[in-house]
Amino acid sequence: MSFSSDTAETLALQALGWLVTNDELLPVFLGATGAGEDELRARAADPVFLAAVLDFLMMDDAWVMAFCDSVQTPYDSLMKARAALPGGAQINWT
């Protein structure tokens, strides 16, 4: 099952909300992206920024599992949502 861009953005917004409430992981995200808390609010509707949120979470299986468990969604949902957002198309190098 593939995600529509609207469904992908909704899941990414949930991921952003989860990230903002995670006191241990939020500073890591802010440090990695250089974003400030004001920018999180300002760019929450930007599909490119939401894609970056998913990219960040997918860097660690434990983060994926923690988020997916919290919203009761399958672990591969982040990958499918990411594919539906800007820059998420699979590249075939062959």
PDB file of N, CA and C in Angstrom:
ATOM      1  N   MET A   1       0.839  -1.188   0.000  1.00  0.00           N
ATOM      2  CA  MET A   1       0.000   0.000   0.000  1.00  0.00           C
ATOM      3  C   MET A   1       0.877   1.241   0.000  1.00  0.00           C
ATOM      4  N   SER A   2       0.625   2.146  -0.930  1.00  0.00           N
ATOM      5  CA  SER A   2       1.373   3.396  -0.955  1.00  0.00           C
ATOM      6  C   SER A   2       0.547   4.491  -0.281  1.00  0.00           C
ATOM      7  N   PHE A   3       1.218   5.517   0.132  1.00  0.00           N
ATOM      8  CA  PHE A   3       0.587   6.635   0.823  1.00  0.00           C
ATOM      9  C   PHE A   3       0.312   7.757  -0.164  1.00  0.00           C
ATOM     10  N   SER A   4      -0.795   8.458   0.022  1.00  0.00           N
ATOM     11  CA  SER A   4      -1.022   9.700  -0.713  1.00  0.00           C
ATOM     12  C   SER A   4      -0.178  10.777  -0.040  1.00  0.00           C
ATOM     13  N   SER A   5       0.029  11.882  -0.722  1.00  0.00           N
ATOM     14  CA  SER A   5       0.814  12.951  -0.108  1.00  0.00           C
ATOM     15  C   SER A   5       0.114  13.496   1.138  1.00  0.00           C
ATOM     16  N   ASP A   6      -1.220  13.558   1.123  1.00  0.00           N
ATOM     17  CA  ASP A   6      -1.952  14.041   2.302  1.00  0.00           C
ATOM     18  C   ASP A   6      -1.783  13.104   3.496  1.00  0.00           C
ATOM     19  N   THR A   7      -1.881  11.811   3.242  1.00  0.00           N
ATOM     20  CA  THR A   7      -1.717  10.834   4.316  1.00  0.00           C
ATOM     21  C   THR A   7      -0.287  10.868   4.847  1.00  0.00           C
ATOM     22  N   ALA A   8       0.665  11.008   3.942  1.00  0.00           N
ATOM     23  CA  ALA A   8       2.072  11.072   4.341  1.00  0.00           C
ATOM     24  C   ALA A   8       2.334  12.310   5.191  1.00  0.00           C
ATOM     25  N   GLU A   9       1.768  13.444   4.788  1.00  0.00           N
ATOM     26  CA  GLU A   9       1.950  14.671   5.568  1.00  0.00           C
ATOM     27  C   GLU A   9       1.311  14.545   6.944  1.00  0.00           C
ATOM     28  N   THR A  10       0.176  13.896   7.019  1.00  0.00           N
ATOM     29  CA  THR A  10      -0.490  13.711   8.310  1.00  0.00           C
ATOM     30  C   THR A  10       0.373  12.866   9.242  1.00  0.00           C
ATOM     31  N   LEU A  11       0.924  11.770   8.724  1.00  0.00           N
ATOM     32  CA  LEU A  11       1.792  10.935   9.555  1.00  0.00           C
ATOM     33  C   LEU A  11       3.053  11.691   9.954  1.00  0.00           C
ATOM     34  N   ALA A  12       3.606  12.469   9.033  1.00  0.00           N
ATOM     35  CA  ALA A  12       4.805  13.246   9.349  1.00  0.00           C
ATOM     36  C   ALA A  12       4.514  14.317  10.397  1.00  0.00           C
ATOM     37  N   LEU A  13       3.328  14.904  10.346  1.00  0.00           N
ATOM     38  CA  LEU A  13       2.932  15.865  11.393  1.00  0.00           C
ATOM     39  C   LEU A  13       2.808  15.177  12.749  1.00  0.00           C
ATOM     40  N   GLN A  14       2.284  13.958  12.753  1.00  0.00           N
ATOM     41  CA  GLN A  14       2.223  13.188  13.995  1.00  0.00           C
ATOM     42  C   GLN A  14       3.636  12.918  14.505  1.00  0.00           C
ATOM     43  N   ALA A  15       4.535  12.599  13.588  1.00  0.00           N
ATOM     44  CA  ALA A  15       5.924  12.348  13.969  1.00  0.00           C
ATOM     45  C   ALA A  15       6.567  13.606  14.546  1.00  0.00           C
ATOM     46  N   LEU A  16       6.289  14.749  13.935  1.00  0.00           N
ATOM     47  CA  LEU A  16       6.815  16.006  14.452  1.00  0.00           C
ATOM     48  C   LEU A  16       6.265  16.278  15.842  1.00  0.00           C
ATOM     49  N   GLY A  17       4.959  16.060  16.031  1.00  0.00           N
ATOM     50  CA  GLY A  17       4.361  16.238  17.354  1.00  0.00           C
ATOM     51  C   GLY A  17       4.986  15.328  18.390  1.00  0.00           C
ATOM     52  N   TRP A  18       5.242  14.080  18.008  1.00  0.00           N
ATOM     53  CA  TRP A  18       5.872  13.125  18.911  1.00  0.00           C
ATOM     54  C   TRP A  18       7.286  13.577  19.240  1.00  0.00           C
ATOM     55  N   LEU A  19       7.999  14.040  18.227  1.00  0.00           N
ATOM     56  CA  LEU A  19       9.373  14.483  18.407  1.00  0.00           C
ATOM     57  C   LEU A  19       9.451  15.676  19.359  1.00  0.00           C
ATOM     58  N   VAL A  20       8.532  16.605  19.209  1.00  0.00           N
ATOM     59  CA  VAL A  20       8.529  17.806  20.045  1.00  0.00           C
ATOM     60  C   VAL A  20       8.301  17.458  21.515  1.00  0.00           C
ATOM     61  N   THR A  21       7.573  16.396  21.777  1.00  0.00           N
ATOM     62  CA  THR A  21       7.307  16.012  23.171  1.00  0.00           C
ATOM     63  C   THR A  21       8.384  15.093  23.738  1.00  0.00           C
ATOM     64  N   ASN A  22       9.347  14.708  22.931  1.00  0.00           N
ATOM     65  CA  ASN A  22      10.414  13.814  23.377  1.00  0.00           C
ATOM     66  C   ASN A  22      11.600  14.656  23.848  1.00  0.00           C
ATOM     67  N   ASP A  23      11.724  14.788  25.160  1.00  0.00           N
ATOM     68  CA  ASP A  23      12.739  15.670  25.737  1.00  0.00           C
ATOM     69  C   ASP A  23      14.175  15.237  25.434  1.00  0.00           C
ATOM     70  N   GLU A  24      14.392  13.964  25.175  1.00  0.00           N
ATOM     71  CA  GLU A  24      15.741  13.486  24.883  1.00  0.00           C
ATOM     72  C   GLU A  24      16.086  13.637  23.401  1.00  0.00           C
ATOM     73  N   LEU A  25      15.116  13.401  22.544  1.00  0.00           N
ATOM     74  CA  LEU A  25      15.388  13.372  21.106  1.00  0.00           C
ATOM     75  C   LEU A  25      15.259  14.740  20.437  1.00  0.00           C
ATOM     76  N   LEU A  26      14.397  15.605  20.942  1.00  0.00           N
ATOM     77  CA  LEU A  26      14.214  16.922  20.316  1.00  0.00           C
ATOM     78  C   LEU A  26      15.519  17.706  20.215  1.00  0.00           C
ATOM     79  N   PRO A  27      16.331  17.778  21.282  1.00  0.00           N
ATOM     80  CA  PRO A  27      17.597  18.520  21.139  1.00  0.00           C
ATOM     81  C   PRO A  27      18.526  17.914  20.090  1.00  0.00           C
ATOM     82  N   VAL A  28      18.474  16.595  19.919  1.00  0.00           N
ATOM     83  CA  VAL A  28      19.291  15.937  18.901  1.00  0.00           C
ATOM     84  C   VAL A  28      18.820  16.379  17.513  1.00  0.00           C
ATOM     85  N   PHE A  29      17.506  16.403  17.310  1.00  0.00           N
ATOM     86  CA  PHE A  29      16.949  16.844  16.032  1.00  0.00           C
ATOM     87  C   PHE A  29      17.300  18.301  15.762  1.00  0.00           C
ATOM     88  N   LEU A  30      17.120  19.151  16.764  1.00  0.00           N
ATOM     89  CA  LEU A  30      17.414  20.575  16.580  1.00  0.00           C
ATOM     90  C   LEU A  30      18.893  20.778  16.266  1.00  0.00           C
ATOM     91  N   GLY A  31      19.753  20.041  16.945  1.00  0.00           N
ATOM     92  CA  GLY A  31      21.187  20.148  16.692  1.00  0.00           C
ATOM     93  C   GLY A  31      21.567  19.643  15.313  1.00  0.00           C
ATOM     94  N   ALA A  32      20.940  18.559  14.892  1.00  0.00           N
ATOM     95  CA  ALA A  32      21.259  17.972  13.589  1.00  0.00           C
ATOM     96  C   ALA A  32      20.776  18.840  12.433  1.00  0.00           C
ATOM     97  N   THR A  33      19.650  19.508  12.614  1.00  0.00           N
ATOM     98  CA  THR A  33      19.073  20.296  11.528  1.00  0.00           C
ATOM     99  C   THR A  33      19.430  21.773  11.593  1.00  0.00           C
ATOM    100  N   GLY A  34      19.811  22.238  12.768  1.00  0.00           N
ATOM    101  CA  GLY A  34      20.072  23.656  12.939  1.00  0.00           C
ATOM    102  C   GLY A  34      18.791  24.466  13.089  1.00  0.00           C
ATOM    103  N   ALA A  35      17.664  23.779  13.146  1.00  0.00           N
ATOM    104  CA  ALA A  35      16.370  24.460  13.289  1.00  0.00           C
ATOM    105  C   ALA A  35      16.179  24.889  14.741  1.00  0.00           C
ATOM    106  N   GLY A  36      15.417  25.931  14.935  1.00  0.00           N
ATOM    107  CA  GLY A  36      15.017  26.370  16.253  1.00  0.00           C
ATOM    108  C   GLY A  36      13.562  25.998  16.488  1.00  0.00           C
ATOM    109  N   GLU A  37      13.128  26.137  17.722  1.00  0.00           N
ATOM    110  CA  GLU A  37      11.749  25.767  18.039  1.00  0.00           C
ATOM    111  C   GLU A  37      10.740  26.617  17.274  1.00  0.00           C
ATOM    112  N   ASP A  38      11.052  27.884  17.034  1.00  0.00           N
ATOM    113  CA  ASP A  38      10.147  28.739  16.248  1.00  0.00           C
ATOM    114  C   ASP A  38      10.028  28.226  14.822  1.00  0.00           C
ATOM    115  N   GLU A  39      11.127  27.726  14.285  1.00  0.00           N
ATOM    116  CA  GLU A  39      11.110  27.220  12.921  1.00  0.00           C
ATOM    117  C   GLU A  39      10.261  25.955  12.817  1.00  0.00           C
ATOM    118  N   LEU A  40      10.235  25.150  13.886  1.00  0.00           N
ATOM    119  CA  LEU A  40       9.391  23.953  13.880  1.00  0.00           C
ATOM    120  C   LEU A  40       7.931  24.335  13.635  1.00  0.00           C
ATOM    121  N   ARG A  41       7.478  25.351  14.322  1.00  0.00           N
ATOM    122  CA  ARG A  41       6.096  25.805  14.148  1.00  0.00           C
ATOM    123  C   ARG A  41       5.886  26.416  12.761  1.00  0.00           C
ATOM    124  N   ALA A  42       6.827  27.210  12.320  1.00  0.00           N
ATOM    125  CA  ALA A  42       6.687  27.916  11.047  1.00  0.00           C
ATOM    126  C   ALA A  42       6.715  26.968   9.853  1.00  0.00           C
ATOM    127  N   ARG A  43       7.440  25.860   9.963  1.00  0.00           N
ATOM    128  CA  ARG A  43       7.608  24.973   8.812  1.00  0.00           C
ATOM    129  C   ARG A  43       6.806  23.688   8.922  1.00  0.00           C
ATOM    130  N   ALA A  44       5.931  23.594   9.907  1.00  0.00           N
ATOM    131  CA  ALA A  44       5.162  22.367  10.128  1.00  0.00           C
ATOM    132  C   ALA A  44       4.273  21.997   8.943  1.00  0.00           C
ATOM    133  N   ALA A  45       3.925  22.956   8.113  1.00  0.00           N
ATOM    134  CA  ALA A  45       3.082  22.672   6.943  1.00  0.00           C
ATOM    135  C   ALA A  45       3.903  22.478   5.666  1.00  0.00           C
ATOM    136  N   ASP A  46       5.214  22.536   5.779  1.00  0.00           N
ATOM    137  CA  ASP A  46       6.098  22.410   4.621  1.00  0.00           C
ATOM    138  C   ASP A  46       6.430  20.932   4.375  1.00  0.00           C
ATOM    139  N   PRO A  47       5.985  20.363   3.258  1.00  0.00           N
ATOM    140  CA  PRO A  47       6.252  18.939   2.989  1.00  0.00           C
ATOM    141  C   PRO A  47       7.737  18.586   2.967  1.00  0.00           C
ATOM    142  N   VAL A  48       8.581  19.509   2.545  1.00  0.00           N
ATOM    143  CA  VAL A  48      10.020  19.246   2.526  1.00  0.00           C
ATOM    144  C   VAL A  48      10.549  19.120   3.954  1.00  0.00           C
ATOM    145  N   PHE A  49      10.102  19.994   4.836  1.00  0.00           N
ATOM    146  CA  PHE A  49      10.511  19.918   6.238  1.00  0.00           C
ATOM    147  C   PHE A  49       9.977  18.645   6.883  1.00  0.00           C
ATOM    148  N   LEU A  50       8.730  18.294   6.583  1.00  0.00           N
ATOM    149  CA  LEU A  50       8.160  17.062   7.133  1.00  0.00           C
ATOM    150  C   LEU A  50       8.930  15.838   6.647  1.00  0.00           C
ATOM    151  N   ALA A  51       9.400  15.885   5.425  1.00  0.00           N
ATOM    152  CA  ALA A  51      10.231  14.800   4.913  1.00  0.00           C
ATOM    153  C   ALA A  51      11.523  14.697   5.717  1.00  0.00           C
ATOM    154  N   ALA A  52      12.084  15.837   6.081  1.00  0.00           N
ATOM    155  CA  ALA A  52      13.308  15.842   6.892  1.00  0.00           C
ATOM    156  C   ALA A  52      13.061  15.242   8.272  1.00  0.00           C
ATOM    157  N   VAL A  53      11.878  15.484   8.821  1.00  0.00           N
ATOM    158  CA  VAL A  53      11.519  14.887  10.111  1.00  0.00           C
ATOM    159  C   VAL A  53      11.524  13.366   9.987  1.00  0.00           C
ATOM    160  N   LEU A  54      10.905  12.860   8.930  1.00  0.00           N
ATOM    161  CA  LEU A  54      10.874  11.409   8.736  1.00  0.00           C
ATOM    162  C   LEU A  54      12.272  10.864   8.477  1.00  0.00           C
ATOM    163  N   ASP A  55      13.060  11.560   7.681  1.00  0.00           N
ATOM    164  CA  ASP A  55      14.440  11.135   7.434  1.00  0.00           C
ATOM    165  C   ASP A  55      15.204  11.006   8.751  1.00  0.00           C
ATOM    166  N   PHE A  56      15.027  11.985   9.610  1.00  0.00           N
ATOM    167  CA  PHE A  56      15.714  11.966  10.907  1.00  0.00           C
ATOM    168  C   PHE A  56      15.278  10.762  11.729  1.00  0.00           C
ATOM    169  N   LEU A  57      13.989  10.560  11.858  1.00  0.00           N
ATOM    170  CA  LEU A  57      13.510   9.439  12.680  1.00  0.00           C
ATOM    171  C   LEU A  57      13.960   8.098  12.129  1.00  0.00           C
ATOM    172  N   MET A  58      14.043   7.990  10.816  1.00  0.00           N
ATOM    173  CA  MET A  58      14.426   6.716  10.219  1.00  0.00           C
ATOM    174  C   MET A  58      15.919   6.421  10.340  1.00  0.00           C
ATOM    175  N   MET A  59      16.670   7.317  10.942  1.00  0.00           N
ATOM    176  CA  MET A  59      18.088   7.063  11.163  1.00  0.00           C
ATOM    177  C   MET A  59      18.316   5.998  12.240  1.00  0.00           C
ATOM    178  N   ASP A  60      17.321   5.738  13.071  1.00  0.00           N
ATOM    179  CA  ASP A  60      17.500   4.783  14.163  1.00  0.00           C
ATOM    180  C   ASP A  60      16.241   3.929  14.304  1.00  0.00           C
ATOM    181  N   ASP A  61      16.420   2.625  14.223  1.00  0.00           N
ATOM    182  CA  ASP A  61      15.271   1.719  14.328  1.00  0.00           C
ATOM    183  C   ASP A  61      14.515   1.904  15.640  1.00  0.00           C
ATOM    184  N   ALA A  62      15.227   2.197  16.710  1.00  0.00           N
ATOM    185  CA  ALA A  62      14.572   2.384  18.011  1.00  0.00           C
ATOM    186  C   ALA A  62      13.631   3.584  17.977  1.00  0.00           C
ATOM    187  N   TRP A  63      14.023   4.639  17.252  1.00  0.00           N
ATOM    188  CA  TRP A  63      13.169   5.823  17.137  1.00  0.00           C
ATOM    189  C   TRP A  63      11.929   5.499  16.315  1.00  0.00           C
ATOM    190  N   VAL A  64      12.125   4.754  15.237  1.00  0.00           N
ATOM    191  CA  VAL A  64      10.996   4.345  14.395  1.00  0.00           C
ATOM    192  C   VAL A  64      10.017   3.528  15.224  1.00  0.00           C
ATOM    193  N   MET A  65      10.530   2.555  15.932  1.00  0.00           N
ATOM    194  CA  MET A  65       9.667   1.677  16.716  1.00  0.00           C
ATOM    195  C   MET A  65       8.940   2.453  17.816  1.00  0.00           C
ATOM    196  N   ALA A  66       9.637   3.350  18.498  1.00  0.00           N
ATOM    197  CA  ALA A  66       9.013   4.127  19.572  1.00  0.00           C
ATOM    198  C   ALA A  66       7.879   4.994  19.033  1.00  0.00           C
ATOM    199  N   PHE A  67       8.133   5.677  17.915  1.00  0.00           N
ATOM    200  CA  PHE A  67       7.083   6.508  17.340  1.00  0.00           C
ATOM    201  C   PHE A  67       5.913   5.662  16.862  1.00  0.00           C
ATOM    202  N   CYS A  68       6.200   4.641  16.071  1.00  0.00           N
ATOM    203  CA  CYS A  68       5.133   3.809  15.505  1.00  0.00           C
ATOM    204  C   CYS A  68       4.308   3.137  16.596  1.00  0.00           C
ATOM    205  N   ASP A  69       4.967   2.684  17.651  1.00  0.00           N
ATOM    206  CA  ASP A  69       4.233   2.098  18.776  1.00  0.00           C
ATOM    207  C   ASP A  69       3.318   3.126  19.435  1.00  0.00           C
ATOM    208  N   SER A  70       3.786   4.379  19.500  1.00  0.00           N
ATOM    209  CA  SER A  70       2.993   5.409  20.176  1.00  0.00           C
ATOM    210  C   SER A  70       1.727   5.774  19.407  1.00  0.00           C
ATOM    211  N   VAL A  71       1.755   5.625  18.089  1.00  0.00           N
ATOM    212  CA  VAL A  71       0.572   5.949  17.281  1.00  0.00           C
ATOM    213  C   VAL A  71      -0.075   4.696  16.690  1.00  0.00           C
ATOM    214  N   GLN A  72       0.428   3.558  17.085  1.00  0.00           N
ATOM    215  CA  GLN A  72      -0.121   2.263  16.666  1.00  0.00           C
ATOM    216  C   GLN A  72      -0.212   2.143  15.150  1.00  0.00           C
ATOM    217  N   THR A  73       0.942   2.312  14.517  1.00  0.00           N
ATOM    218  CA  THR A  73       1.031   2.158  13.069  1.00  0.00           C
ATOM    219  C   THR A  73       2.166   1.173  12.767  1.00  0.00           C
ATOM    220  N   PRO A  74       2.084   0.457  11.672  1.00  0.00           N
ATOM    221  CA  PRO A  74       3.160  -0.488  11.334  1.00  0.00           C
ATOM    222  C   PRO A  74       4.507   0.218  11.173  1.00  0.00           C
ATOM    223  N   TYR A  75       5.573  -0.500  11.467  1.00  0.00           N
ATOM    224  CA  TYR A  75       6.914   0.076  11.422  1.00  0.00           C
ATOM    225  C   TYR A  75       7.318   0.563  10.034  1.00  0.00           C
ATOM    226  N   ASP A  76       6.764  -0.006   8.998  1.00  0.00           N
ATOM    227  CA  ASP A  76       7.146   0.432   7.647  1.00  0.00           C
ATOM    228  C   ASP A  76       6.365   1.663   7.180  1.00  0.00           C
ATOM    229  N   SER A  77       5.482   2.180   8.015  1.00  0.00           N
ATOM    230  CA  SER A  77       4.684   3.353   7.638  1.00  0.00           C
ATOM    231  C   SER A  77       5.543   4.586   7.377  1.00  0.00           C
ATOM    232  N   LEU A  78       6.594   4.775   8.173  1.00  0.00           N
ATOM    233  CA  LEU A  78       7.440   5.953   7.965  1.00  0.00           C
ATOM    234  C   LEU A  78       8.113   5.902   6.592  1.00  0.00           C
ATOM    235  N   MET A  79       8.584   4.730   6.222  1.00  0.00           N
ATOM    236  CA  MET A  79       9.236   4.573   4.926  1.00  0.00           C
ATOM    237  C   MET A  79       8.243   4.850   3.790  1.00  0.00           C
ATOM    238  N   LYS A  80       7.036   4.337   3.925  1.00  0.00           N
ATOM    239  CA  LYS A  80       6.023   4.549   2.884  1.00  0.00           C
ATOM    240  C   LYS A  80       5.613   6.016   2.812  1.00  0.00           C
ATOM    241  N   ALA A  81       5.467   6.643   3.974  1.00  0.00           N
ATOM    242  CA  ALA A  81       5.120   8.063   3.996  1.00  0.00           C
ATOM    243  C   ALA A  81       6.246   8.895   3.384  1.00  0.00           C
ATOM    244  N   ARG A  82       7.471   8.541   3.716  1.00  0.00           N
ATOM    245  CA  ARG A  82       8.610   9.294   3.180  1.00  0.00           C
ATOM    246  C   ARG A  82       8.652   9.221   1.666  1.00  0.00           C
ATOM    247  N   ALA A  83       8.307   8.079   1.109  1.00  0.00           N
ATOM    248  CA  ALA A  83       8.317   7.908  -0.345  1.00  0.00           C
ATOM    249  C   ALA A  83       7.296   8.818  -1.029  1.00  0.00           C
ATOM    250  N   ALA A  84       6.247   9.201  -0.315  1.00  0.00           N
ATOM    251  CA  ALA A  84       5.188  10.037  -0.887  1.00  0.00           C
ATOM    252  C   ALA A  84       5.467  11.534  -0.751  1.00  0.00           C
ATOM    253  N   LEU A  85       6.522  11.886  -0.030  1.00  0.00           N
ATOM    254  CA  LEU A  85       6.864  13.296   0.171  1.00  0.00           C
ATOM    255  C   LEU A  85       7.980  13.701  -0.792  1.00  0.00           C
ATOM    256  N   PRO A  86       8.207  15.010  -0.958  1.00  0.00           N
ATOM    257  CA  PRO A  86       9.236  15.476  -1.897  1.00  0.00           C
ATOM    258  C   PRO A  86      10.592  14.821  -1.623  1.00  0.00           C
ATOM    259  N   GLY A  87      11.215  14.345  -2.710  1.00  0.00           N
ATOM    260  CA  GLY A  87      12.522  13.725  -2.618  1.00  0.00           C
ATOM    261  C   GLY A  87      12.507  12.274  -2.188  1.00  0.00           C
ATOM    262  N   GLY A  88      11.327  11.711  -2.064  1.00  0.00           N
ATOM    263  CA  GLY A  88      11.221  10.355  -1.555  1.00  0.00           C
ATOM    264  C   GLY A  88      11.156   9.265  -2.607  1.00  0.00           C
ATOM    265  N   ALA A  89      11.183   9.641  -3.859  1.00  0.00           N
ATOM    266  CA  ALA A  89      11.090   8.631  -4.930  1.00  0.00           C
ATOM    267  C   ALA A  89      12.326   7.745  -4.917  1.00  0.00           C
ATOM    268  N   GLN A  90      12.102   6.471  -5.143  1.00  0.00           N
ATOM    269  CA  GLN A  90      13.212   5.523  -5.222  1.00  0.00           C
ATOM    270  C   GLN A  90      14.026   5.818  -6.472  1.00  0.00           C
ATOM    271  N   ILE A  91      15.315   5.806  -6.313  1.00  0.00           N
ATOM    272  CA  ILE A  91      16.216   6.051  -7.442  1.00  0.00           C
ATOM    273  C   ILE A  91      16.757   4.704  -7.895  1.00  0.00           C
ATOM    274  N   ASN A  92      16.640   4.435  -9.176  1.00  0.00           N
ATOM    275  CA  ASN A  92      17.151   3.204  -9.745  1.00  0.00           C
ATOM    276  C   ASN A  92      18.449   3.532 -10.466  1.00  0.00           C
ATOM    277  N   TRP A  93      19.551   3.073  -9.943  1.00  0.00           N
ATOM    278  CA  TRP A  93      20.864   3.403 -10.485  1.00  0.00           C
ATOM    279  C   TRP A  93      21.313   2.442 -11.573  1.00  0.00           C
ATOM    280  N   THR A  94      20.504   1.425 -11.872  1.00  0.00           N
ATOM    281  CA  THR A  94      20.934   0.462 -12.880  1.00  0.00           C
ATOM    282  C   THR A  94      20.315   0.723 -14.218  1.00  0.00           C
TER     283      THR A  94
END
